[in-house]
C-alpha atoms as a PDB file:
ATOM      1  CA  UNK A   1      14.847 -15.902  39.326  1.00  0.00           C
ATOM      2  CA  UNK A   2      14.959 -18.689  36.728  1.00  0.00           C
ATOM      3  CA  UNK A   3      18.426 -19.720  37.891  1.00  0.00           C
ATOM      4  CA  UNK A   4      17.205 -19.918  41.489  1.00  0.00           C
ATOM      5  CA  UNK A   5      14.278 -22.101  40.412  1.00  0.00           C
ATOM      6  CA  UNK A   6      16.617 -24.462  38.557  1.00  0.00           C
ATOM      7  CA  UNK A   7      18.891 -24.688  41.600  1.00  0.00           C
ATOM      8  CA  UNK A   8      15.940 -25.458  43.871  1.00  0.00           C
ATOM      9  CA  UNK A   9      14.695 -28.123  41.455  1.00  0.00           C
ATOM     10  CA  UNK A  10      18.126 -29.780  41.253  1.00  0.00           C
ATOM     11  CA  UNK A  11      18.404 -29.676  45.046  1.00  0.00           C
ATOM     12  CA  UNK A  12      14.977 -31.280  45.421  1.00  0.00           C
ATOM     13  CA  UNK A  13      15.980 -33.995  42.924  1.00  0.00           C
ATOM     14  CA  UNK A  14      19.125 -34.771  44.921  1.00  0.00           C
ATOM     15  CA  UNK A  15      17.194 -34.923  48.192  1.00  0.00           C
ATOM     16  CA  UNK A  16      14.545 -37.180  46.644  1.00  0.00           C
ATOM     17  CA  UNK A  17      17.225 -39.530  45.304  1.00  0.00           C
ATOM     18  CA  UNK A  18      18.892 -39.749  48.724  1.00  0.00           C
ATOM     19  CA  UNK A  19      15.536 -40.485  50.416  1.00  0.00           C
ATOM     20  CA  UNK A  20      14.609 -43.185  47.872  1.00  0.00           C
ATOM     21  CA  UNK A  21      18.118 -44.678  47.995  1.00  0.00           C
ATOM     22  CA  UNK A  22      17.895 -44.945  51.792  1.00  0.00           C
ATOM     23  CA  UNK A  23      14.574 -46.796  51.490  1.00  0.00           C
ATOM     24  CA  UNK A  24      15.306 -49.255  48.667  1.00  0.00           C
ATOM     25  CA  UNK A  25      19.081 -49.108  48.265  1.00  0.00           C
ATOM     26  CA  UNK A  26      21.409 -47.069  46.099  1.00  0.00           C
ATOM     27  CA  UNK A  27      21.650 -49.561  43.196  1.00  0.00           C
ATOM     28  CA  UNK A  28      17.862 -50.052  42.984  1.00  0.00           C
ATOM     29  CA  UNK A  29      17.274 -46.309  43.025  1.00  0.00           C
ATOM     30  CA  UNK A  30      19.876 -45.832  40.297  1.00  0.00           C
ATOM     31  CA  UNK A  31      18.362 -48.674  38.253  1.00  0.00           C
ATOM     32  CA  UNK A  32      14.887 -47.115  38.460  1.00  0.00           C
ATOM     33  CA  UNK A  33      16.225 -43.748  37.293  1.00  0.00           C
ATOM     34  CA  UNK A  34      18.038 -45.333  34.362  1.00  0.00           C
ATOM     35  CA  UNK A  35      15.060 -47.477  33.292  1.00  0.00           C
ATOM     36  CA  UNK A  36      12.524 -44.631  33.486  1.00  0.00           C
ATOM     37  CA  UNK A  37      14.874 -42.250  31.660  1.00  0.00           C
ATOM     38  CA  UNK A  38      15.491 -44.879  28.971  1.00  0.00           C
ATOM     39  CA  UNK A  39      11.779 -45.651  28.536  1.00  0.00           C
ATOM     40  CA  UNK A  40      10.862 -41.962  28.492  1.00  0.00           C
ATOM     41  CA  UNK A  41      11.345 -41.416  24.756  1.00  0.00           C
ATOM     42  CA  UNK A  42       9.125 -44.418  23.940  1.00  0.00           C
ATOM     43  CA  UNK A  43       6.359 -43.126  26.213  1.00  0.00           C
ATOM     44  CA  UNK A  44       6.606 -39.629  24.736  1.00  0.00           C
ATOM     45  CA  UNK A  45       6.578 -41.056  21.219  1.00  0.00           C
ATOM     46  CA  UNK A  46       3.443 -43.086  21.902  1.00  0.00           C
ATOM     47  CA  UNK A  47       1.580 -40.127  23.406  1.00  0.00           C
ATOM     48  CA  UNK A  48       2.962 -37.753  20.775  1.00  0.00           C
ATOM     49  CA  UNK A  49       1.670 -39.923  17.913  1.00  0.00           C
ATOM     50  CA  UNK A  50      -1.845 -39.591  19.323  1.00  0.00           C
ATOM     51  CA  UNK A  51      -1.498 -35.817  19.608  1.00  0.00           C
ATOM     52  CA  UNK A  52      -0.145 -35.672  16.047  1.00  0.00           C
ATOM     53  CA  UNK A  53      -3.105 -37.713  14.762  1.00  0.00           C
ATOM     54  CA  UNK A  54      -5.557 -35.266  16.393  1.00  0.00           C
ATOM     55  CA  UNK A  55      -3.629 -32.355  14.884  1.00  0.00           C
ATOM     56  CA  UNK A  56      -3.836 -33.877  11.407  1.00  0.00           C
ATOM     57  CA  UNK A  57      -7.572 -34.490  11.818  1.00  0.00           C
ATOM     58  CA  UNK A  58      -8.160 -30.838  12.686  1.00  0.00           C
ATOM     59  CA  UNK A  59      -6.022 -29.689   9.760  1.00  0.00           C
ATOM     60  CA  UNK A  60      -7.938 -31.997   7.409  1.00  0.00           C
ATOM     61  CA  UNK A  61     -11.167 -30.342   8.565  1.00  0.00           C
ATOM     62  CA  UNK A  62      -9.656 -26.947   7.769  1.00  0.00           C
ATOM     63  CA  UNK A  63      -9.516 -25.929  11.431  1.00  0.00           C
ATOM     64  CA  UNK A  64      -6.625 -24.387  13.322  1.00  0.00           C
ATOM     65  CA  UNK A  65      -5.251 -27.025  15.733  1.00  0.00           C
ATOM     66  CA  UNK A  66      -4.507 -24.598  18.575  1.00  0.00           C
ATOM     67  CA  UNK A  67      -5.434 -26.955  21.392  1.00  0.00           C
ATOM     68  CA  UNK A  68      -3.477 -29.819  19.825  1.00  0.00           C
ATOM     69  CA  UNK A  69      -0.370 -27.653  19.437  1.00  0.00           C
ATOM     70  CA  UNK A  70      -0.530 -26.696  23.104  1.00  0.00           C
ATOM     71  CA  UNK A  71      -1.081 -30.352  23.950  1.00  0.00           C
ATOM     72  CA  UNK A  72       2.022 -31.254  21.950  1.00  0.00           C
ATOM     73  CA  UNK A  73       4.030 -28.602  23.755  1.00  0.00           C
ATOM     74  CA  UNK A  74       3.035 -30.002  27.146  1.00  0.00           C
ATOM     75  CA  UNK A  75       3.918 -33.530  25.955  1.00  0.00           C
ATOM     76  CA  UNK A  76       7.327 -32.215  24.891  1.00  0.00           C
ATOM     77  CA  UNK A  77       7.895 -30.606  28.294  1.00  0.00           C
ATOM     78  CA  UNK A  78       6.844 -33.839  29.996  1.00  0.00           C
ATOM     79  CA  UNK A  79       9.241 -35.766  27.775  1.00  0.00           C
ATOM     80  CA  UNK A  80      12.120 -33.512  28.770  1.00  0.00           C
ATOM     81  CA  UNK A  81      11.263 -34.035  32.436  1.00  0.00           C
ATOM     82  CA  UNK A  82      11.159 -37.817  31.964  1.00  0.00           C
ATOM     83  CA  UNK A  83      14.440 -37.999  30.060  1.00  0.00           C
ATOM     84  CA  UNK A  84      16.386 -35.985  32.630  1.00  0.00           C
ATOM     85  CA  UNK A  85      17.234 -38.328  35.534  1.00  0.00           C
ATOM     86  CA  UNK A  86      15.427 -37.593  38.779  1.00  0.00           C
ATOM     87  CA  UNK A  87      12.411 -38.924  40.632  1.00  0.00           C
ATOM     88  CA  UNK A  88      10.517 -35.628  40.825  1.00  0.00           C
ATOM     89  CA  UNK A  89      11.022 -34.855  37.127  1.00  0.00           C
ATOM     90  CA  UNK A  90      10.060 -38.412  36.176  1.00  0.00           C
ATOM     91  CA  UNK A  91       6.889 -38.233  38.245  1.00  0.00           C
ATOM     92  CA  UNK A  92       5.897 -34.843  36.816  1.00  0.00           C
ATOM     93  CA  UNK A  93       6.755 -35.938  33.277  1.00  0.00           C
ATOM     94  CA  UNK A  94       4.737 -39.143  33.565  1.00  0.00           C
ATOM     95  CA  UNK A  95       1.782 -37.200  34.975  1.00  0.00           C
ATOM     96  CA  UNK A  96       1.930 -34.879  31.951  1.00  0.00           C
ATOM     97  CA  UNK A  97       1.475 -37.918  29.684  1.00  0.00           C
ATOM     98  CA  UNK A  98      -2.064 -38.365  31.049  1.00  0.00           C
ATOM     99  CA  UNK A  99      -4.519 -36.565  28.749  1.00  0.00           C
ATOM    100  CA  UNK A 100      -6.914 -35.035  31.312  1.00  0.00           C
ATOM    101  CA  UNK A 101      -4.006 -33.740  33.400  1.00  0.00           C
ATOM    102  CA  UNK A 102      -2.445 -32.159  30.296  1.00  0.00           C
ATOM    103  CA  UNK A 103      -5.706 -30.366  29.546  1.00  0.00           C
ATOM    104  CA  UNK A 104      -5.889 -29.172  33.147  1.00  0.00           C
ATOM    105  CA  UNK A 105      -2.321 -27.834  32.947  1.00  0.00           C
ATOM    106  CA  UNK A 106      -3.128 -26.025  29.686  1.00  0.00           C
ATOM    107  CA  UNK A 107      -6.279 -24.462  31.166  1.00  0.00           C
ATOM    108  CA  UNK A 108      -4.568 -23.339  34.363  1.00  0.00           C
ATOM    109  CA  UNK A 109      -1.574 -21.937  32.482  1.00  0.00           C
ATOM    110  CA  UNK A 110      -3.912 -20.173  30.045  1.00  0.00           C
ATOM    111  CA  UNK A 111      -5.889 -18.548  32.843  1.00  0.00           C
ATOM    112  CA  UNK A 112      -2.721 -17.422  34.609  1.00  0.00           C
ATOM    113  CA  UNK A 113      -1.334 -16.027  31.379  1.00  0.00           C
ATOM    114  CA  UNK A 114      -4.607 -14.265  30.594  1.00  0.00           C
ATOM    115  CA  UNK A 115      -4.506 -12.505  33.968  1.00  0.00           C
ATOM    116  CA  UNK A 116      -0.969 -11.294  33.299  1.00  0.00           C
ATOM    117  CA  UNK A 117      -1.654  -9.985  29.790  1.00  0.00           C
ATOM    118  CA  UNK A 118      -2.507  -6.319  29.717  1.00  0.00           C
ATOM    119  CA  UNK A 119      -5.559  -5.324  27.706  1.00  0.00           C
ATOM    120  CA  UNK A 120      -5.119  -2.287  25.502  1.00  0.00           C
ATOM    121  CA  UNK A 121      -8.253  -0.386  24.526  1.00  0.00           C
ATOM    122  CA  UNK A 122      -8.014   1.385  21.185  1.00  0.00           C
ATOM    123  CA  UNK A 123     -10.708   4.062  20.786  1.00  0.00           C
ATOM    124  CA  UNK A 124     -11.249   3.693  17.050  1.00  0.00           C
ATOM    125  CA  UNK A 125     -10.194   1.229  14.406  1.00  0.00           C
ATOM    126  CA  UNK A 126      -9.541   1.905  10.759  1.00  0.00           C
ATOM    127  CA  UNK A 127      -9.873  -1.067   8.472  1.00  0.00           C
ATOM    128  CA  UNK A 128      -7.544  -1.148   5.500  1.00  0.00           C
ATOM    129  CA  UNK A 129      -8.371  -3.540   2.705  1.00  0.00           C
ATOM    130  CA  UNK A 130      -5.114  -4.904   1.331  1.00  0.00           C
ATOM    131  CA  UNK A 131      -6.822  -5.715  -1.974  1.00  0.00           C
ATOM    132  CA  UNK A 132      -7.847  -2.122  -2.612  1.00  0.00           C
ATOM    133  CA  UNK A 133      -5.964  -0.101  -5.208  1.00  0.00           C
ATOM    134  CA  UNK A 134      -4.210   3.172  -4.525  1.00  0.00           C
ATOM    135  CA  UNK A 135      -6.125   6.305  -5.404  1.00  0.00           C
ATOM    136  CA  UNK A 136      -4.749   9.269  -7.348  1.00  0.00           C
ATOM    137  CA  UNK A 137      -4.557  12.749  -5.913  1.00  0.00           C
ATOM    138  CA  UNK A 138      -7.824  13.699  -7.630  1.00  0.00           C
ATOM    139  CA  UNK A 139      -9.519  10.639  -6.048  1.00  0.00           C
ATOM    140  CA  UNK A 140     -10.203   8.998  -9.399  1.00  0.00           C
ATOM    141  CA  UNK A 141      -9.280   5.357  -9.873  1.00  0.00           C
ATOM    142  CA  UNK A 142      -6.026   4.703 -11.753  1.00  0.00           C
ATOM    143  CA  UNK A 143      -6.237   3.559 -15.350  1.00  0.00           C
ATOM    144  CA  UNK A 144      -4.211   0.556 -16.379  1.00  0.00           C
ATOM    145  CA  UNK A 145      -1.456  -1.237 -14.482  1.00  0.00           C
ATOM    146  CA  UNK A 146       0.865   0.784 -12.254  1.00  0.00           C
ATOM    147  CA  UNK A 147       4.082   2.037 -13.842  1.00  0.00           C
ATOM    148  CA  UNK A 148       7.358   1.684 -12.033  1.00  0.00           C
ATOM    149  CA  UNK A 149      10.674   3.419 -12.778  1.00  0.00           C
ATOM    150  CA  UNK A 150      13.110   1.143 -14.589  1.00  0.00           C
ATOM    151  CA  UNK A 151      16.302   2.361 -12.958  1.00  0.00           C
ATOM    152  CA  UNK A 152      18.082   5.217 -11.218  1.00  0.00           C
ATOM    153  CA  UNK A 153      17.271   8.578 -12.769  1.00  0.00           C
ATOM    154  CA  UNK A 154      14.339   7.169 -14.773  1.00  0.00           C
ATOM    155  CA  UNK A 155      11.357   8.924 -13.261  1.00  0.00           C
ATOM    156  CA  UNK A 156       9.174   8.692 -16.352  1.00  0.00           C
ATOM    157  CA  UNK A 157       7.545   5.479 -15.244  1.00  0.00           C
ATOM    158  CA  UNK A 158       8.205   3.732 -18.564  1.00  0.00           C
END
């Protein structure tokens, strides 16, 4: 399925190039592809620096920068689309550099993913405190630090 999607995307890119080349000329169409693909990393860097600054602000406040990480991921995907030559990919990649559109993409993708995730209901939960100490067989708390065997055959715990 993924392979078919990639083939369809490549085919659409070729068709779009032929259509644009017929309208403005082959050399102009090629020049536009080269210029946009060359400027792509600079655009992604500029947008990415802003996303990184927001991420650092959230971290400084002691918050988890979940939204910013997703924003950075969408910027990265847009950057890949811009850097790969093609009018459709360039257009989609440039659209993903616009903040409100990125947030819309994240929301829509999140809702679609949430519908696909299966919810598992667990009837009862048992909370285990990792800081608690092990209890002896007679349910009395252990005295002193735990003793570990020193080597093979040493089961005395000394």
